PDB file of N, CA and C in Angstrom:
ATOM      1  N   MET A   1     -59.582 -30.941  89.647  1.00  0.00           N
ATOM      2  CA  MET A   1     -60.075 -32.150  90.267  1.00  0.00           C
ATOM      3  C   MET A   1     -60.900 -32.922  89.236  1.00  0.00           C
ATOM      4  N   LEU A   2     -60.777 -34.233  89.299  1.00  0.00           N
ATOM      5  CA  LEU A   2     -61.579 -35.109  88.463  1.00  0.00           C
ATOM      6  C   LEU A   2     -62.800 -35.539  89.269  1.00  0.00           C
ATOM      7  N   ILE A   3     -63.985 -35.347  88.725  1.00  0.00           N
ATOM      8  CA  ILE A   3     -65.222 -35.726  89.403  1.00  0.00           C
ATOM      9  C   ILE A   3     -65.675 -37.074  88.868  1.00  0.00           C
ATOM     10  N   VAL A   4     -65.831 -38.054  89.761  1.00  0.00           N
ATOM     11  CA  VAL A   4     -66.338 -39.360  89.355  1.00  0.00           C
ATOM     12  C   VAL A   4     -67.741 -39.553  89.917  1.00  0.00           C
ATOM     13  N   TYR A   5     -68.484 -40.425  89.256  1.00  0.00           N
ATOM     14  CA  TYR A   5     -69.903 -40.649  89.543  1.00  0.00           C
ATOM     15  C   TYR A   5     -70.717 -39.400  89.222  1.00  0.00           C
ATOM     16  N   LEU A   6     -70.281 -38.709  88.190  1.00  0.00           N
ATOM     17  CA  LEU A   6     -70.935 -37.474  87.748  1.00  0.00           C
ATOM     18  C   LEU A   6     -72.350 -37.721  87.257  1.00  0.00           C
ATOM     19  N   GLU A   7     -72.640 -38.950  86.831  1.00  0.00           N
ATOM     20  CA  GLU A   7     -73.989 -39.260  86.349  1.00  0.00           C
ATOM     21  C   GLU A   7     -75.046 -39.036  87.433  1.00  0.00           C
ATOM     22  N   LYS A   8     -74.679 -39.199  88.711  1.00  0.00           N
ATOM     23  CA  LYS A   8     -75.617 -38.917  89.805  1.00  0.00           C
ATOM     24  C   LYS A   8     -76.026 -37.448  89.793  1.00  0.00           C
ATOM     25  N   LEU A   9     -75.044 -36.581  89.620  1.00  0.00           N
ATOM     26  CA  LEU A   9     -75.340 -35.142  89.582  1.00  0.00           C
ATOM     27  C   LEU A   9     -76.160 -34.778  88.359  1.00  0.00           C
ATOM     28  N   ASN A  10     -75.784 -35.329  87.218  1.00  0.00           N
ATOM     29  CA  ASN A  10     -76.491 -35.014  85.977  1.00  0.00           C
ATOM     30  C   ASN A  10     -77.940 -35.476  86.028  1.00  0.00           C
ATOM     31  N   ALA A  11     -78.180 -36.662  86.556  1.00  0.00           N
ATOM     32  CA  ALA A  11     -79.549 -37.181  86.683  1.00  0.00           C
ATOM     33  C   ALA A  11     -80.356 -36.319  87.638  1.00  0.00           C
ATOM     34  N   PHE A  12     -79.736 -35.918  88.730  1.00  0.00           N
ATOM     35  CA  PHE A  12     -80.432 -35.075  89.702  1.00  0.00           C
ATOM     36  C   PHE A  12     -80.795 -33.729  89.069  1.00  0.00           C
ATOM     37  N   ALA A  13     -79.853 -33.125  88.366  1.00  0.00           N
ATOM     38  CA  ALA A  13     -80.104 -31.833  87.724  1.00  0.00           C
ATOM     39  C   ALA A  13     -81.202 -31.943  86.680  1.00  0.00           C
ATOM     40  N   LYS A  14     -81.252 -33.056  85.986  1.00  0.00           N
ATOM     41  CA  LYS A  14     -82.289 -33.252  84.977  1.00  0.00           C
ATOM     42  C   LYS A  14     -83.681 -33.267  85.604  1.00  0.00           C
ATOM     43  N   ASN A  15     -83.776 -33.817  86.813  1.00  0.00           N
ATOM     44  CA  ASN A  15     -85.068 -33.931  87.499  1.00  0.00           C
ATOM     45  C   ASN A  15     -85.386 -32.764  88.426  1.00  0.00           C
ATOM     46  N   HIS A  16     -84.432 -31.879  88.661  1.00  0.00           N
ATOM     47  CA  HIS A  16     -84.630 -30.736  89.561  1.00  0.00           C
ATOM     48  C   HIS A  16     -84.127 -29.474  88.875  1.00  0.00           C
ATOM     49  N   ALA A  17     -84.975 -28.895  88.060  1.00  0.00           N
ATOM     50  CA  ALA A  17     -84.589 -27.743  87.235  1.00  0.00           C
ATOM     51  C   ALA A  17     -84.022 -26.593  88.061  1.00  0.00           C
ATOM     52  N   ASN A  18     -84.549 -26.393  89.266  1.00  0.00           N
ATOM     53  CA  ASN A  18     -84.077 -25.270  90.084  1.00  0.00           C
ATOM     54  C   ASN A  18     -82.655 -25.493  90.606  1.00  0.00           C
ATOM     55  N   ALA A  19     -82.135 -26.715  90.501  1.00  0.00           N
ATOM     56  CA  ALA A  19     -80.781 -27.010  90.982  1.00  0.00           C
ATOM     57  C   ALA A  19     -79.743 -26.961  89.865  1.00  0.00           C
ATOM     58  N   ARG A  20     -80.148 -26.873  88.630  1.00  0.00           N
ATOM     59  CA  ARG A  20     -79.226 -26.981  87.493  1.00  0.00           C
ATOM     60  C   ARG A  20     -78.107 -25.943  87.529  1.00  0.00           C
ATOM     61  N   LYS A  21     -78.447 -24.702  87.787  1.00  0.00           N
ATOM     62  CA  LYS A  21     -77.437 -23.645  87.779  1.00  0.00           C
ATOM     63  C   LYS A  21     -76.434 -23.847  88.909  1.00  0.00           C
ATOM     64  N   SER A  22     -76.924 -24.162  90.099  1.00  0.00           N
ATOM     65  CA  SER A  22     -76.025 -24.370  91.236  1.00  0.00           C
ATOM     66  C   SER A  22     -75.111 -25.572  91.017  1.00  0.00           C
ATOM     67  N   ILE A  23     -75.654 -26.646  90.463  1.00  0.00           N
ATOM     68  CA  ILE A  23     -74.850 -27.841  90.191  1.00  0.00           C
ATOM     69  C   ILE A  23     -73.804 -27.533  89.122  1.00  0.00           C
ATOM     70  N   ALA A  24     -74.189 -26.817  88.087  1.00  0.00           N
ATOM     71  CA  ALA A  24     -73.243 -26.452  87.027  1.00  0.00           C
ATOM     72  C   ALA A  24     -72.101 -25.599  87.588  1.00  0.00           C
ATOM     73  N   THR A  25     -72.438 -24.667  88.460  1.00  0.00           N
ATOM     74  CA  THR A  25     -71.417 -23.820  89.084  1.00  0.00           C
ATOM     75  C   THR A  25     -70.488 -24.654  89.959  1.00  0.00           C
ATOM     76  N   TRP A  26     -71.063 -25.568  90.747  1.00  0.00           N
ATOM     77  CA  TRP A  26     -70.250 -26.440  91.602  1.00  0.00           C
ATOM     78  C   TRP A  26     -69.307 -27.282  90.746  1.00  0.00           C
ATOM     79  N   LYS A  27     -69.829 -27.885  89.671  1.00  0.00           N
ATOM     80  CA  LYS A  27     -69.013 -28.728  88.799  1.00  0.00           C
ATOM     81  C   LYS A  27     -67.865 -27.931  88.187  1.00  0.00           C
ATOM     82  N   LYS A  28     -68.154 -26.765  87.659  1.00  0.00           N
ATOM     83  CA  LYS A  28     -67.114 -25.946  87.008  1.00  0.00           C
ATOM     84  C   LYS A  28     -66.028 -25.558  88.004  1.00  0.00           C
ATOM     85  N   THR A  29     -66.430 -25.086  89.161  1.00  0.00           N
ATOM     86  CA  THR A  29     -65.468 -24.682  90.188  1.00  0.00           C
ATOM     87  C   THR A  29     -64.621 -25.865  90.634  1.00  0.00           C
ATOM     88  N   THR A  30     -65.255 -27.013  90.835  1.00  0.00           N
ATOM     89  CA  THR A  30     -64.548 -28.202  91.310  1.00  0.00           C
ATOM     90  C   THR A  30     -63.594 -28.746  90.250  1.00  0.00           C
ATOM     91  N   GLU A  31     -64.024 -28.798  89.016  1.00  0.00           N
ATOM     92  CA  GLU A  31     -63.156 -29.299  87.941  1.00  0.00           C
ATOM     93  C   GLU A  31     -61.917 -28.423  87.747  1.00  0.00           C
ATOM     94  N   GLU A  32     -62.050 -27.139  88.004  1.00  0.00           N
ATOM     95  CA  GLU A  32     -60.929 -26.218  87.842  1.00  0.00           C
ATOM     96  C   GLU A  32     -60.034 -26.141  89.081  1.00  0.00           C
ATOM     97  N   ALA A  33     -60.497 -26.697  90.186  1.00  0.00           N
ATOM     98  CA  ALA A  33     -59.796 -26.582  91.463  1.00  0.00           C
ATOM     99  C   ALA A  33     -58.601 -27.520  91.553  1.00  0.00           C
ATOM    100  N   ILE A  34     -57.654 -27.112  92.371  1.00  0.00           N
ATOM    101  CA  ILE A  34     -56.558 -27.976  92.802  1.00  0.00           C
ATOM    102  C   ILE A  34     -56.590 -27.925  94.325  1.00  0.00           C
ATOM    103  N   TRP A  35     -57.269 -28.907  94.903  1.00  0.00           N
ATOM    104  CA  TRP A  35     -57.408 -28.954  96.356  1.00  0.00           C
ATOM    105  C   TRP A  35     -56.350 -29.866  96.945  1.00  0.00           C
ATOM    106  N   LYS A  36     -55.539 -29.329  97.808  1.00  0.00           N
ATOM    107  CA  LYS A  36     -54.514 -30.102  98.513  1.00  0.00           C
ATOM    108  C   LYS A  36     -54.891 -30.329  99.974  1.00  0.00           C
ATOM    109  N   THR A  37     -55.757 -29.458 100.502  1.00  0.00           N
ATOM    110  CA  THR A  37     -56.163 -29.544 101.907  1.00  0.00           C
ATOM    111  C   THR A  37     -57.653 -29.221 102.036  1.00  0.00           C
ATOM    112  N   LYS A  38     -58.182 -29.519 103.200  1.00  0.00           N
ATOM    113  CA  LYS A  38     -59.582 -29.189 103.485  1.00  0.00           C
ATOM    114  C   LYS A  38     -59.809 -27.685 103.415  1.00  0.00           C
ATOM    115  N   GLN A  39     -58.817 -26.909 103.798  1.00  0.00           N
ATOM    116  CA  GLN A  39     -58.945 -25.453 103.762  1.00  0.00           C
ATOM    117  C   GLN A  39     -59.118 -24.945 102.335  1.00  0.00           C
ATOM    118  N   ASP A  40     -58.532 -25.644 101.366  1.00  0.00           N
ATOM    119  CA  ASP A  40     -58.703 -25.256  99.960  1.00  0.00           C
ATOM    120  C   ASP A  40     -60.163 -25.390  99.533  1.00  0.00           C
ATOM    121  N   VAL A  41     -60.814 -26.449  99.999  1.00  0.00           N
ATOM    122  CA  VAL A  41     -62.236 -26.661  99.691  1.00  0.00           C
ATOM    123  C   VAL A  41     -63.056 -25.520 100.287  1.00  0.00           C
ATOM    124  N   LEU A  42     -62.781 -25.211 101.551  1.00  0.00           N
ATOM    125  CA  LEU A  42     -63.534 -24.160 102.245  1.00  0.00           C
ATOM    126  C   LEU A  42     -63.255 -22.781 101.659  1.00  0.00           C
ATOM    127  N   ARG A  43     -62.098 -22.590 101.078  1.00  0.00           N
ATOM    128  CA  ARG A  43     -61.791 -21.319 100.403  1.00  0.00           C
ATOM    129  C   ARG A  43     -62.688 -21.147  99.177  1.00  0.00           C
ATOM    130  N   ASP A  44     -62.885 -22.227  98.420  1.00  0.00           N
ATOM    131  CA  ASP A  44     -63.699 -22.153  97.208  1.00  0.00           C
ATOM    132  C   ASP A  44     -65.194 -22.182  97.498  1.00  0.00           C
ATOM    133  N   PHE A  45     -65.582 -22.852  98.583  1.00  0.00           N
ATOM    134  CA  PHE A  45     -66.995 -22.978  98.952  1.00  0.00           C
ATOM    135  C   PHE A  45     -67.121 -22.677 100.448  1.00  0.00           C
ATOM    136  N   ARG A  46     -67.322 -21.421 100.784  1.00  0.00           N
ATOM    137  CA  ARG A  46     -67.297 -21.041 102.197  1.00  0.00           C
ATOM    138  C   ARG A  46     -68.448 -21.619 103.004  1.00  0.00           C
ATOM    139  N   ASN A  47     -69.534 -22.071 102.363  1.00  0.00           N
ATOM    140  CA  ASN A  47     -70.639 -22.695 103.088  1.00  0.00           C
ATOM    141  C   ASN A  47     -70.506 -24.215 103.165  1.00  0.00           C
ATOM    142  N   ALA A  48     -69.431 -24.739 102.617  1.00  0.00           N
ATOM    143  CA  ALA A  48     -69.202 -26.186 102.697  1.00  0.00           C
ATOM    144  C   ALA A  48     -68.849 -26.556 104.131  1.00  0.00           C
ATOM    145  N   LYS A  49     -69.026 -27.828 104.422  1.00  0.00           N
ATOM    146  CA  LYS A  49     -68.631 -28.342 105.734  1.00  0.00           C
ATOM    147  C   LYS A  49     -67.833 -29.611 105.503  1.00  0.00           C
ATOM    148  N   MET A  50     -66.668 -29.672 106.100  1.00  0.00           N
ATOM    149  CA  MET A  50     -65.851 -30.879 106.019  1.00  0.00           C
ATOM    150  C   MET A  50     -66.319 -31.834 107.107  1.00  0.00           C
ATOM    151  N   ILE A  51     -66.498 -33.103 106.716  1.00  0.00           N
ATOM    152  CA  ILE A  51     -66.944 -34.120 107.658  1.00  0.00           C
ATOM    153  C   ILE A  51     -65.950 -35.283 107.627  1.00  0.00           C
ATOM    154  N   ALA A  52     -66.226 -36.322 108.345  1.00  0.00           N
ATOM    155  CA  ALA A  52     -65.290 -37.437 108.523  1.00  0.00           C
ATOM    156  C   ALA A  52     -64.849 -38.049 107.203  1.00  0.00           C
ATOM    157  N   ASP A  53     -63.646 -38.633 107.232  1.00  0.00           N
ATOM    158  CA  ASP A  53     -63.108 -39.419 106.130  1.00  0.00           C
ATOM    159  C   ASP A  53     -62.998 -38.613 104.832  1.00  0.00           C
ATOM    160  N   ASN A  54     -62.540 -37.378 104.947  1.00  0.00           N
ATOM    161  CA  ASN A  54     -62.350 -36.486 103.790  1.00  0.00           C
ATOM    162  C   ASN A  54     -63.607 -36.310 102.952  1.00  0.00           C
ATOM    163  N   ARG A  55     -64.730 -36.298 103.607  1.00  0.00           N
ATOM    164  CA  ARG A  55     -65.985 -36.001 102.922  1.00  0.00           C
ATOM    165  C   ARG A  55     -66.319 -34.529 103.143  1.00  0.00           C
ATOM    166  N   ALA A  56     -67.026 -33.978 102.163  1.00  0.00           N
ATOM    167  CA  ALA A  56     -67.459 -32.586 102.261  1.00  0.00           C
ATOM    168  C   ALA A  56     -68.943 -32.514 101.922  1.00  0.00           C
ATOM    169  N   ARG A  57     -69.627 -31.621 102.612  1.00  0.00           N
ATOM    170  CA  ARG A  57     -71.048 -31.381 102.355  1.00  0.00           C
ATOM    171  C   ARG A  57     -71.180 -29.992 101.757  1.00  0.00           C
ATOM    172  N   PHE A  58     -71.892 -29.923 100.639  1.00  0.00           N
ATOM    173  CA  PHE A  58     -72.122 -28.655  99.966  1.00  0.00           C
ATOM    174  C   PHE A  58     -73.604 -28.348  99.945  1.00  0.00           C
ATOM    175  N   GLU A  59     -73.935 -27.088 100.111  1.00  0.00           N
ATOM    176  CA  GLU A  59     -75.315 -26.632 100.028  1.00  0.00           C
ATOM    177  C   GLU A  59     -75.614 -26.269  98.579  1.00  0.00           C
ATOM    178  N   ILE A  60     -76.686 -26.829  98.064  1.00  0.00           N
ATOM    179  CA  ILE A  60     -77.113 -26.550  96.697  1.00  0.00           C
ATOM    180  C   ILE A  60     -78.450 -25.822  96.766  1.00  0.00           C
ATOM    181  N   VAL A  61     -78.581 -24.740  96.036  1.00  0.00           N
ATOM    182  CA  VAL A  61     -79.784 -23.883  96.030  1.00  0.00           C
ATOM    183  C   VAL A  61     -80.103 -23.450  97.469  1.00  0.00           C
ATOM    184  N   HIS A  62     -79.142 -22.784  98.084  1.00  0.00           N
ATOM    185  CA  HIS A  62     -79.326 -22.211  99.422  1.00  0.00           C
ATOM    186  C   HIS A  62     -79.792 -23.259 100.433  1.00  0.00           C
ATOM    187  N   ASN A  63     -79.186 -24.436 100.385  1.00  0.00           N
ATOM    188  CA  ASN A  63     -79.434 -25.516 101.339  1.00  0.00           C
ATOM    189  C   ASN A  63     -80.757 -26.249 101.116  1.00  0.00           C
ATOM    190  N   THR A  64     -81.391 -26.040  99.977  1.00  0.00           N
ATOM    191  CA  THR A  64     -82.570 -26.836  99.631  1.00  0.00           C
ATOM    192  C   THR A  64     -82.147 -28.278  99.390  1.00  0.00           C
ATOM    193  N   TYR A  65     -80.972 -28.430  98.778  1.00  0.00           N
ATOM    194  CA  TYR A  65     -80.406 -29.743  98.489  1.00  0.00           C
ATOM    195  C   TYR A  65     -79.017 -29.815  99.103  1.00  0.00           C
ATOM    196  N   ARG A  66     -78.567 -31.045  99.330  1.00  0.00           N
ATOM    197  CA  ARG A  66     -77.218 -31.239  99.861  1.00  0.00           C
ATOM    198  C   ARG A  66     -76.467 -32.236  99.001  1.00  0.00           C
ATOM    199  N   LEU A  67     -75.203 -31.953  98.835  1.00  0.00           N
ATOM    200  CA  LEU A  67     -74.303 -32.777  98.048  1.00  0.00           C
ATOM    201  C   LEU A  67     -73.183 -33.250  98.963  1.00  0.00           C
ATOM    202  N   ILE A  68     -72.934 -34.559  98.968  1.00  0.00           N
ATOM    203  CA  ILE A  68     -71.833 -35.127  99.739  1.00  0.00           C
ATOM    204  C   ILE A  68     -70.839 -35.732  98.759  1.00  0.00           C
ATOM    205  N   VAL A  69     -69.588 -35.381  98.928  1.00  0.00           N
ATOM    206  CA  VAL A  69     -68.525 -35.960  98.108  1.00  0.00           C
ATOM    207  C   VAL A  69     -67.410 -36.454  99.014  1.00  0.00           C
ATOM    208  N   LYS A  70     -66.645 -37.398  98.490  1.00  0.00           N
ATOM    209  CA  LYS A  70     -65.430 -37.852  99.165  1.00  0.00           C
ATOM    210  C   LYS A  70     -64.260 -37.380  98.323  1.00  0.00           C
ATOM    211  N   ILE A  71     -63.288 -36.771  98.965  1.00  0.00           N
ATOM    212  CA  ILE A  71     -62.170 -36.157  98.254  1.00  0.00           C
ATOM    213  C   ILE A  71     -60.880 -36.941  98.516  1.00  0.00           C
ATOM    214  N   ASN A  72     -60.217 -37.304  97.437  1.00  0.00           N
ATOM    215  CA  ASN A  72     -58.876 -37.874  97.532  1.00  0.00           C
ATOM    216  C   ASN A  72     -57.930 -36.763  97.091  1.00  0.00           C
ATOM    217  N   PHE A  73     -57.338 -36.091  98.069  1.00  0.00           N
ATOM    218  CA  PHE A  73     -56.501 -34.942  97.780  1.00  0.00           C
ATOM    219  C   PHE A  73     -55.252 -35.322  96.987  1.00  0.00           C
ATOM    220  N   ASP A  74     -54.647 -36.463  97.297  1.00  0.00           N
ATOM    221  CA  ASP A  74     -53.423 -36.873  96.603  1.00  0.00           C
ATOM    222  C   ASP A  74     -53.683 -37.180  95.133  1.00  0.00           C
ATOM    223  N   ALA A  75     -54.763 -37.891  94.845  1.00  0.00           N
ATOM    224  CA  ALA A  75     -55.089 -38.277  93.468  1.00  0.00           C
ATOM    225  C   ALA A  75     -55.878 -37.202  92.720  1.00  0.00           C
ATOM    226  N   GLN A  76     -56.322 -36.157  93.442  1.00  0.00           N
ATOM    227  CA  GLN A  76     -57.116 -35.076  92.842  1.00  0.00           C
ATOM    228  C   GLN A  76     -58.432 -35.602  92.258  1.00  0.00           C
ATOM    229  N   ILE A  77     -59.111 -36.451  93.055  1.00  0.00           N
ATOM    230  CA  ILE A  77     -60.377 -37.055  92.645  1.00  0.00           C
ATOM    231  C   ILE A  77     -61.463 -36.713  93.659  1.00  0.00           C
ATOM    232  N   VAL A  78     -62.618 -36.346  93.134  1.00  0.00           N
ATOM    233  CA  VAL A  78     -63.805 -36.088  93.949  1.00  0.00           C
ATOM    234  C   VAL A  78     -64.861 -37.107  93.550  1.00  0.00           C
ATOM    235  N   GLN A  79     -65.335 -37.888  94.511  1.00  0.00           N
ATOM    236  CA  GLN A  79     -66.378 -38.888  94.262  1.00  0.00           C
ATOM    237  C   GLN A  79     -67.709 -38.360  94.767  1.00  0.00           C
ATOM    238  N   VAL A  80     -68.689 -38.294  93.896  1.00  0.00           N
ATOM    239  CA  VAL A  80     -70.036 -37.912  94.303  1.00  0.00           C
ATOM    240  C   VAL A  80     -70.625 -39.094  95.065  1.00  0.00           C
ATOM    241  N   ARG A  81     -71.016 -38.866  96.307  1.00  0.00           N
ATOM    242  CA  ARG A  81     -71.557 -39.925  97.151  1.00  0.00           C
ATOM    243  C   ARG A  81     -73.061 -39.807  97.342  1.00  0.00           C
ATOM    244  N   PHE A  82     -73.561 -38.573  97.369  1.00  0.00           N
ATOM    245  CA  PHE A  82     -74.989 -38.353  97.634  1.00  0.00           C
ATOM    246  C   PHE A  82     -75.375 -36.986  97.119  1.00  0.00           C
ATOM    247  N   ILE A  83     -76.563 -36.905  96.554  1.00  0.00           N
ATOM    248  CA  ILE A  83     -77.208 -35.618  96.304  1.00  0.00           C
ATOM    249  C   ILE A  83     -78.692 -35.835  96.524  1.00  0.00           C
ATOM    250  N   GLY A  84     -79.297 -34.935  97.282  1.00  0.00           N
ATOM    251  CA  GLY A  84     -80.716 -35.078  97.567  1.00  0.00           C
ATOM    252  C   GLY A  84     -81.243 -33.905  98.356  1.00  0.00           C
ATOM    253  N   THR A  85     -82.500 -34.019  98.709  1.00  0.00           N
ATOM    254  CA  THR A  85     -83.142 -32.962  99.489  1.00  0.00           C
ATOM    255  C   THR A  85     -82.591 -32.970 100.910  1.00  0.00           C
ATOM    256  N   HIS A  86     -82.871 -31.915 101.612  1.00  0.00           N
ATOM    257  CA  HIS A  86     -82.449 -31.810 103.008  1.00  0.00           C
ATOM    258  C   HIS A  86     -83.081 -32.948 103.819  1.00  0.00           C
ATOM    259  N   THR A  87     -84.327 -33.277 103.535  1.00  0.00           N
ATOM    260  CA  THR A  87     -85.026 -34.365 104.232  1.00  0.00           C
ATOM    261  C   THR A  87     -84.350 -35.704 103.948  1.00  0.00           C
ATOM    262  N   GLU A  88     -83.995 -35.955 102.701  1.00  0.00           N
ATOM    263  CA  GLU A  88     -83.291 -37.191 102.347  1.00  0.00           C
ATOM    264  C   GLU A  88     -81.932 -37.250 103.027  1.00  0.00           C
ATOM    265  N   TYR A  89     -81.261 -36.118 103.101  1.00  0.00           N
ATOM    266  CA  TYR A  89     -79.971 -36.025 103.771  1.00  0.00           C
ATOM    267  C   TYR A  89     -80.080 -36.416 105.242  1.00  0.00           C
ATOM    268  N   ASP A  90     -81.162 -36.012 105.880  1.00  0.00           N
ATOM    269  CA  ASP A  90     -81.366 -36.317 107.298  1.00  0.00           C
ATOM    270  C   ASP A  90     -81.497 -37.820 107.558  1.00  0.00           C
ATOM    271  N   ARG A  91     -81.764 -38.603 106.517  1.00  0.00           N
ATOM    272  CA  ARG A  91     -81.938 -40.053 106.674  1.00  0.00           C
ATOM    273  C   ARG A  91     -80.664 -40.860 106.401  1.00  0.00           C
ATOM    274  N   ILE A  92     -79.583 -40.180 106.060  1.00  0.00           N
ATOM    275  CA  ILE A  92     -78.335 -40.884 105.770  1.00  0.00           C
ATOM    276  C   ILE A  92     -77.274 -40.529 106.805  1.00  0.00           C
ATOM    277  N   ASP A  93     -76.198 -41.274 106.788  1.00  0.00           N
ATOM    278  CA  ASP A  93     -75.019 -40.932 107.606  1.00  0.00           C
ATOM    279  C   ASP A  93     -73.974 -40.377 106.652  1.00  0.00           C
ATOM    280  N   PRO A  94     -73.796 -39.065 106.621  1.00  0.00           N
ATOM    281  CA  PRO A  94     -72.869 -38.477 105.655  1.00  0.00           C
ATOM    282  C   PRO A  94     -71.418 -38.910 105.837  1.00  0.00           C
ATOM    283  N   ALA A  95     -71.075 -39.399 107.005  1.00  0.00           N
ATOM    284  CA  ALA A  95     -69.700 -39.828 107.267  1.00  0.00           C
ATOM    285  C   ALA A  95     -69.395 -41.205 106.697  1.00  0.00           C
ATOM    286  N   THR A  96     -70.430 -41.944 106.304  1.00  0.00           N
ATOM    287  CA  THR A  96     -70.185 -43.300 105.812  1.00  0.00           C
ATOM    288  C   THR A  96     -70.782 -43.564 104.428  1.00  0.00           C
ATOM    289  N   ILE A  97     -71.590 -42.669 103.925  1.00  0.00           N
ATOM    290  CA  ILE A  97     -72.224 -42.909 102.624  1.00  0.00           C
ATOM    291  C   ILE A  97     -71.201 -42.919 101.505  1.00  0.00           C
TER     292      ILE A  97
END
């Protein structure tokens, strides 16, 4: 999968040292993945949750942070839409961000 808007993740990791390892693991797994269906995402990340409009929510650092991406399965592209604290996540609509 090709990850776009990766600068959001990199900036977040730079400012949140405790998230760096989890973000690096997520990036490596995602870049190596070939996701054709939502079940493929859940196979690689069993704590992920699929939400509306082919978006997925991932728990970073045991749910301290949340990552929202939009997945284009046909084009093999993952767009980073949001990364932030659980509190920040509660203030957004993950289905439309």
